[in-house]
C-alpha atoms as a PDB file:
ATOM      1  CA  MET A   1      -0.195   0.065   0.231  1.00  0.00           C
ATOM      2  CA  ASN A   2       1.173   3.288  -0.675  1.00  0.00           C
ATOM      3  CA  ARG A   3       0.570   5.817   2.109  1.00  0.00           C
ATOM      4  CA  GLN A   4       2.153   9.454   2.163  1.00  0.00           C
ATOM      5  CA  THR A   5       4.338  10.241   5.257  1.00  0.00           C
ATOM      6  CA  THR A   6       2.666  13.433   7.003  1.00  0.00           C
ATOM      7  CA  ASP A   7       2.979  15.308  10.448  1.00  0.00           C
ATOM      8  CA  GLU A   8      -1.127  14.988  10.374  1.00  0.00           C
ATOM      9  CA  PRO A   9      -2.967  12.453  12.007  1.00  0.00           C
ATOM     10  CA  ILE A  10      -3.844   9.825   9.757  1.00  0.00           C
ATOM     11  CA  CYS A  11      -7.048   7.304   9.728  1.00  0.00           C
ATOM     12  CA  TYR A  12      -6.732   5.132   7.178  1.00  0.00           C
ATOM     13  CA  ASP A  13     -10.158   2.995   8.769  1.00  0.00           C
ATOM     14  CA  THR A  14     -11.998   6.238   8.468  1.00  0.00           C
ATOM     15  CA  GLU A  15     -11.194   7.036   5.141  1.00  0.00           C
ATOM     16  CA  GLN A  16     -12.075   3.403   3.974  1.00  0.00           C
ATOM     17  CA  ALA A  17     -15.312   3.904   6.042  1.00  0.00           C
ATOM     18  CA  LEU A  18     -16.091   6.917   4.170  1.00  0.00           C
ATOM     19  CA  LEU A  19     -15.555   5.115   0.507  1.00  0.00           C
ATOM     20  CA  GLY A  20     -17.635   2.297   1.665  1.00  0.00           C
ATOM     21  CA  TYR A  21     -20.209   4.309   2.664  1.00  0.00           C
ATOM     22  CA  LEU A  22     -20.498   6.308  -0.429  1.00  0.00           C
ATOM     23  CA  LEU A  23     -20.349   2.742  -2.213  1.00  0.00           C
ATOM     24  CA  VAL A  24     -23.655   2.457  -0.781  1.00  0.00           C
ATOM     25  CA  ARG A  25     -25.148   5.551  -0.348  1.00  0.00           C
ATOM     26  CA  TRP A  26     -24.319   7.407  -4.092  1.00  0.00           C
ATOM     27  CA  ASP A  27     -26.956  10.255  -3.221  1.00  0.00           C
ATOM     28  CA  ALA A  28     -24.121  11.669  -0.325  1.00  0.00           C
ATOM     29  CA  VAL A  29     -21.442  11.996  -2.681  1.00  0.00           C
ATOM     30  CA  PRO A  30     -22.455  15.729  -3.910  1.00  0.00           C
ATOM     31  CA  ALA A  31     -21.770  16.561   0.172  1.00  0.00           C
ATOM     32  CA  VAL A  32     -18.892  15.111   0.315  1.00  0.00           C
ATOM     33  CA  LYS A  33     -17.439  16.085  -3.096  1.00  0.00           C
ATOM     34  CA  ALA A  34     -17.966  19.855  -1.303  1.00  0.00           C
ATOM     35  CA  LEU A  35     -15.567  19.087   1.423  1.00  0.00           C
ATOM     36  CA  LEU A  36     -12.503  16.570  -0.118  1.00  0.00           C
ATOM     37  CA  ARG A  37     -10.819  16.390  -2.983  1.00  0.00           C
ATOM     38  CA  PRO A  38      -8.977  13.295  -3.856  1.00  0.00           C
ATOM     39  CA  GLU A  39      -5.554  14.823  -2.906  1.00  0.00           C
ATOM     40  CA  ASP A  40      -7.016  14.475   0.678  1.00  0.00           C
ATOM     41  CA  PHE A  41      -6.635  11.251   1.543  1.00  0.00           C
ATOM     42  CA  ALA A  42      -3.463   9.783   2.469  1.00  0.00           C
ATOM     43  CA  ASP A  43      -3.426   6.219   0.809  1.00  0.00           C
ATOM     44  CA  THR A  44      -3.152   6.667  -2.645  1.00  0.00           C
ATOM     45  CA  ALA A  45      -5.452   3.819  -3.525  1.00  0.00           C
ATOM     46  CA  HIS A  46      -8.108   5.497  -1.077  1.00  0.00           C
ATOM     47  CA  ARG A  47      -6.962   8.723  -3.743  1.00  0.00           C
ATOM     48  CA  ILE A  48      -8.122   6.549  -6.393  1.00  0.00           C
ATOM     49  CA  ILE A  49     -11.129   5.161  -5.274  1.00  0.00           C
ATOM     50  CA  TYR A  50     -12.686   8.300  -4.413  1.00  0.00           C
ATOM     51  CA  ASP A  51     -11.615   9.723  -7.921  1.00  0.00           C
ATOM     52  CA  ALA A  52     -13.263   6.993  -9.444  1.00  0.00           C
ATOM     53  CA  VAL A  53     -16.341   7.864  -7.075  1.00  0.00           C
ATOM     54  CA  LEU A  54     -16.512  11.125  -8.035  1.00  0.00           C
ATOM     55  CA  ASP A  55     -16.330  10.333 -11.653  1.00  0.00           C
ATOM     56  CA  VAL A  56     -18.926   7.842 -11.585  1.00  0.00           C
ATOM     57  CA  ALA A  57     -21.246  10.128  -9.839  1.00  0.00           C
ATOM     58  CA  GLU A  58     -21.127  12.380 -12.712  1.00  0.00           C
ATOM     59  CA  SER A  59     -21.558  10.087 -14.977  1.00  0.00           C
ATOM     60  CA  LYS A  60     -23.943   8.109 -13.268  1.00  0.00           C
ATOM     61  CA  GLU A  61     -22.951   4.599 -14.256  1.00  0.00           C
ATOM     62  CA  LEU A  62     -21.594   2.073 -11.754  1.00  0.00           C
ATOM     63  CA  SER A  63     -19.888  -0.157 -14.925  1.00  0.00           C
ATOM     64  CA  ALA A  64     -17.570   3.068 -15.476  1.00  0.00           C
ATOM     65  CA  LEU A  65     -16.425   2.504 -11.723  1.00  0.00           C
ATOM     66  CA  VAL A  66     -15.890  -1.039 -12.108  1.00  0.00           C
ATOM     67  CA  ARG A  67     -13.940  -0.101 -15.423  1.00  0.00           C
ATOM     68  CA  GLN A  68     -12.238   2.098 -14.063  1.00  0.00           C
ATOM     69  CA  LEU A  69     -10.789   0.637 -11.307  1.00  0.00           C
ATOM     70  CA  ARG A  70      -9.997  -2.558 -13.206  1.00  0.00           C
ATOM     71  CA  ASP A  71      -8.034  -0.501 -15.760  1.00  0.00           C
ATOM     72  CA  HIS A  72      -5.806   1.534 -13.430  1.00  0.00           C
ATOM     73  CA  PRO A  73      -2.536   0.542 -13.485  1.00  0.00           C
END
């Protein structure tokens, strides 16, 4: 896992929980998007997933999320 080093407190479990919540509650994405950017996630994998969730929420096509995550290097 690629995790950045920072002086700020990091809680990877919280990042995971938020991503899981967004996958279940697509209606919450706009509110979270107003507060968080992909760069705000400490874990690189979480950034990638969050970015994909934002893209899918815009396109409203769940299969796009699967393709995006599958095709990411």
